[in-house]
Amino acid sequence: TFAIAVVGTIIAAVICIPLAFLGARNIIRFRPVSGVSKFILSIIRVFPEIVMALIFIKAVGPGSFSGVLALGIHSVGMLGKVFAEDIENIDLSATESLKASGANKMKTLVFAVVPQILPTFLSLILYRFELNLRSASILGLIGAGGIGTPLIFALQTRSWDRVG
């Protein structure tokens, strides 16, 4: 269960970064690109983890891999949407200063945008990890690995000492 939550959170943290930057309207000035990125993130967030797990169980079979995919993909939607909004709310004075001194887009991004969003990024990743840890135990009940699978077997056989 712990490993499923860790790997799912890492997958989400890596995949959501480019989608968040594409969804931020102050970074990507071309409105259709940012609109499509936010729409994709919203569509991903619509499906709960348990529905995603059922889809992935049918696609890749029962086990931990389907649980990791379900948690990872579902977390991309939430993290990407929140990160995009956080990027849109940054203070642009640092980026303007770097542009005025001759910095290119990459240096402006690394030295002005990333330091402003990094604390929020790390705190939201830890929060999402906590949510994924809780969800991973529930996903085992439907066959997506974790502690839920032995728990459901113990409940079915009425082995109350193992349930406890």
Protein backbone atom coordinates (compact mmCIF):
# COMPACT_ATOMS: atom_id res chain seq x y z
CA THR A 1 0.00 0.00 0.00
CA PHE A 2 2.81 2.38 0.90
CA ALA A 3 4.72 1.58 -2.30
CA ILE A 4 1.60 2.06 -4.43
CA ALA A 5 1.05 5.50 -2.87
CA VAL A 6 4.69 6.53 -3.27
CA VAL A 7 5.00 5.47 -6.90
CA GLY A 8 1.59 6.91 -7.81
CA THR A 9 2.51 10.25 -6.24
CA ILE A 10 5.88 10.35 -8.02
CA ILE A 11 4.22 9.62 -11.37
CA ALA A 12 1.69 12.37 -10.75
CA ALA A 13 4.32 14.90 -9.67
CA VAL A 14 6.38 14.33 -12.81
CA ILE A 15 3.52 14.28 -15.32
CA CYS A 16 1.61 17.25 -13.90
CA ILE A 17 4.50 19.73 -14.18
CA PRO A 18 4.40 20.21 -17.97
CA LEU A 19 0.59 20.20 -17.98
CA ALA A 20 0.54 22.85 -15.25
CA PHE A 21 2.93 25.11 -17.14
CA LEU A 22 0.91 24.60 -20.32
CA GLY A 23 -2.26 25.46 -18.43
CA ALA A 24 -0.92 28.67 -16.86
CA ARG A 25 -2.16 31.63 -18.89
CA ASN A 26 0.67 33.93 -17.84
CA ILE A 27 3.33 31.47 -19.07
CA ILE A 28 1.62 30.27 -22.27
CA ARG A 29 0.13 33.31 -23.97
CA PHE A 30 -1.63 31.26 -26.68
CA ARG A 31 -5.09 30.84 -25.10
CA PRO A 32 -6.16 27.64 -26.93
CA VAL A 33 -3.13 25.74 -25.58
CA SER A 34 -3.74 26.78 -21.99
CA GLY A 35 -7.47 26.16 -22.36
CA VAL A 36 -6.97 22.66 -23.76
CA SER A 37 -4.47 21.81 -21.03
CA LYS A 38 -6.85 22.93 -18.29
CA PHE A 39 -9.68 21.03 -19.97
CA ILE A 40 -7.57 17.85 -20.01
CA LEU A 41 -6.73 18.29 -16.33
CA SER A 42 -10.41 18.80 -15.53
CA ILE A 43 -11.42 15.68 -17.47
CA ILE A 44 -8.82 13.62 -15.60
CA ARG A 45 -10.14 14.90 -12.26
CA VAL A 46 -13.72 13.88 -13.04
CA PHE A 47 -13.15 10.16 -12.51
CA PRO A 48 -12.58 9.00 -8.91
CA GLU A 49 -9.65 6.72 -8.09
CA ILE A 50 -11.87 3.68 -7.75
CA VAL A 51 -13.34 4.14 -11.26
CA MET A 52 -9.85 4.66 -12.68
CA ALA A 53 -8.71 1.51 -10.87
CA LEU A 54 -11.57 -0.51 -12.37
CA ILE A 55 -10.61 0.75 -15.84
CA PHE A 56 -6.95 -0.12 -15.30
CA ILE A 57 -7.81 -3.53 -13.81
CA LYS A 58 -9.60 -4.33 -17.06
CA ALA A 59 -6.73 -2.90 -19.12
CA VAL A 60 -3.65 -4.36 -17.38
CA GLY A 61 -5.14 -6.93 -15.02
CA PRO A 62 -5.54 -6.99 -11.26
CA GLY A 63 -2.58 -6.13 -9.09
CA SER A 64 -0.48 -3.29 -7.80
CA PHE A 65 0.32 -1.90 -11.24
CA SER A 66 -3.31 -1.02 -11.89
CA GLY A 67 -3.48 0.69 -8.49
CA VAL A 68 -0.35 2.73 -9.22
CA LEU A 69 -1.73 3.81 -12.59
CA ALA A 70 -5.09 4.74 -11.11
CA LEU A 71 -3.60 6.82 -8.31
CA GLY A 72 -0.98 8.39 -10.55
CA ILE A 73 -3.33 9.45 -13.33
CA HIS A 74 -6.04 10.68 -10.96
CA SER A 75 -3.51 12.71 -8.99
CA VAL A 76 -2.23 14.36 -12.18
CA GLY A 77 -5.58 16.10 -12.60
CA MET A 78 -5.70 17.54 -9.12
CA LEU A 79 -2.05 18.51 -8.86
CA GLY A 80 -1.87 19.95 -12.37
CA LYS A 81 -4.94 22.10 -11.89
CA VAL A 82 -3.74 23.50 -8.56
CA PHE A 83 -0.20 24.06 -9.85
CA ALA A 84 -1.50 25.88 -12.93
CA GLU A 85 -3.53 28.21 -10.71
CA ASP A 86 -0.50 28.73 -8.45
CA ILE A 87 1.68 29.60 -11.44
CA GLU A 88 -0.94 32.09 -12.62
CA ASN A 89 -0.85 33.82 -9.21
CA ILE A 90 2.91 34.39 -9.02
CA ASP A 91 4.41 37.85 -8.68
CA LEU A 92 5.60 38.89 -12.14
CA SER A 93 8.00 41.58 -10.95
CA ALA A 94 10.87 39.07 -10.70
CA THR A 95 10.26 37.80 -14.23
CA GLU A 96 10.10 41.35 -15.57
CA SER A 97 13.39 42.18 -13.84
CA LEU A 98 15.12 39.17 -15.33
CA LYS A 99 13.75 39.91 -18.80
CA ALA A 100 14.94 43.52 -18.51
CA SER A 101 18.44 42.33 -17.63
CA GLY A 102 18.56 40.11 -20.72
CA ALA A 103 17.60 36.66 -19.39
CA ASN A 104 16.04 34.20 -21.78
CA LYS A 105 12.76 32.36 -21.15
CA MET A 106 14.42 29.33 -19.53
CA LYS A 107 16.47 31.39 -17.08
CA THR A 108 13.41 33.47 -16.25
CA LEU A 109 11.47 30.29 -15.57
CA VAL A 110 14.21 28.73 -13.43
CA PHE A 111 15.16 31.80 -11.40
CA ALA A 112 11.85 33.69 -11.11
CA VAL A 113 8.97 31.23 -11.42
CA VAL A 114 10.27 28.02 -9.82
CA PRO A 115 11.39 29.60 -6.51
CA GLN A 116 7.92 31.10 -6.08
CA ILE A 117 6.00 27.88 -6.73
CA LEU A 118 8.37 25.38 -5.11
CA PRO A 119 7.02 25.62 -1.52
CA THR A 120 3.43 25.15 -2.68
CA PHE A 121 4.51 22.38 -5.02
CA LEU A 122 6.19 20.42 -2.23
CA SER A 123 3.36 20.90 0.26
CA LEU A 124 0.72 19.81 -2.25
CA ILE A 125 2.76 16.76 -3.23
CA LEU A 126 2.94 15.73 0.44
CA TYR A 127 -0.80 16.31 0.82
CA ARG A 128 -1.53 14.27 -2.29
CA PHE A 129 0.73 11.50 -0.98
CA GLU A 130 -1.38 11.37 2.18
CA LEU A 131 -4.55 11.11 0.09
CA ASN A 132 -2.98 8.43 -2.12
CA LEU A 133 -1.96 6.42 0.93
CA ARG A 134 -5.54 6.38 2.14
CA SER A 135 -6.89 5.59 -1.34
CA ALA A 136 -4.37 2.80 -1.94
CA SER A 137 -5.75 0.80 0.96
CA ILE A 138 -9.27 1.09 -0.44
CA LEU A 139 -8.19 0.15 -3.97
CA GLY A 140 -7.06 -3.24 -2.71
CA LEU A 141 -10.69 -4.12 -2.03
CA ILE A 142 -11.41 -4.15 -5.77
CA GLY A 143 -8.22 -5.96 -6.75
CA ALA A 144 -5.78 -3.12 -7.32
CA GLY A 145 -3.17 -4.39 -4.83
CA GLY A 146 -2.23 -3.10 -1.43
CA ILE A 147 -3.43 -4.03 2.03
CA GLY A 148 -7.06 -4.16 0.95
CA THR A 149 -6.66 -7.50 -0.83
CA PRO A 150 -5.60 -9.50 2.25
CA LEU A 151 -8.18 -7.59 4.25
CA ILE A 152 -11.05 -8.62 1.99
CA PHE A 153 -9.85 -12.26 2.03
CA ALA A 154 -9.74 -12.21 5.84
CA LEU A 155 -13.23 -10.71 5.97
CA GLN A 156 -14.61 -13.34 3.59
CA THR A 157 -13.17 -16.22 5.63
CA ARG A 158 -14.23 -14.57 8.91
CA SER A 159 -10.68 -14.68 10.20
CA TRP A 160 -11.22 -11.90 12.70
CA ASP A 161 -7.77 -12.07 14.22
CA ARG A 162 -6.26 -11.34 10.81
CA VAL A 163 -8.79 -8.56 10.20
CA GLY A 164 -7.78 -6.95 13.50
